[in-house]
Protein backbone atom coordinates (compact mmCIF):
# COMPACT_ATOMS: atom_id res chain seq x y z
CA MET A 1 90.27 126.96 111.61
CA GLY A 2 93.02 126.60 109.03
CA GLN A 3 95.22 124.53 111.29
CA ILE A 4 92.39 122.19 112.27
CA ASP A 5 91.56 121.63 108.59
CA LEU A 6 95.22 121.03 107.83
CA GLY A 7 95.45 118.56 110.71
CA LEU A 8 92.39 116.64 109.51
CA GLN A 9 93.77 116.59 105.97
CA LEU A 10 97.10 115.26 107.20
CA MET A 11 95.31 112.62 109.29
CA ALA A 12 93.30 111.56 106.24
CA TYR A 13 96.50 111.23 104.19
CA GLY A 14 98.12 109.15 106.92
CA LEU A 15 95.15 106.82 107.31
CA SER A 16 94.85 106.46 103.53
CA GLY A 17 98.52 105.50 103.36
CA VAL A 18 98.15 102.93 106.12
CA PHE A 19 95.11 101.29 104.52
CA PHE A 20 96.77 101.37 101.09
CA VAL A 21 99.80 99.51 102.47
CA LEU A 22 97.57 96.96 104.24
CA ILE A 23 95.59 96.33 101.04
CA MET A 24 98.80 95.96 99.03
CA PHE A 25 100.19 93.52 101.63
CA TYR A 26 96.98 91.46 101.41
CA ALA A 27 97.11 91.47 97.59
CA VAL A 28 100.76 90.35 97.55
CA ILE A 29 99.99 87.48 99.93
CA LYS A 30 97.02 86.37 97.80
CA LEU A 31 99.17 86.58 94.65
CA LEU A 32 101.94 84.51 96.23
CA ASP A 33 99.31 81.99 97.37
CA LYS A 34 98.16 81.59 93.77
CA ILE A 35 101.72 81.35 92.40
CA PHE A 36 102.92 78.89 95.07
CA PRO A 37 99.86 76.95 96.31
CA TYR A 38 100.08 75.11 99.61
CA SER A 39 100.90 71.43 99.29
CA PRO A 40 101.48 69.42 102.46
CA GLU A 41 104.64 67.38 102.56
CA LYS A 42 104.29 63.60 102.44
CA GLU A 43 105.40 61.86 105.61
CA GLN A 44 108.47 59.64 105.31
CA GLY A 45 108.04 56.25 106.84
């Protein structure tokens, strides 16, 4: 059962890494949204 446990542990590390990167990506986007808020351009004319 050692290899099954090792496989599950490796899978948990991989999933943790994926979710960590997704959370960091979300946080960076929210931070950039606060630093540079959306302001629609005025129409010329």
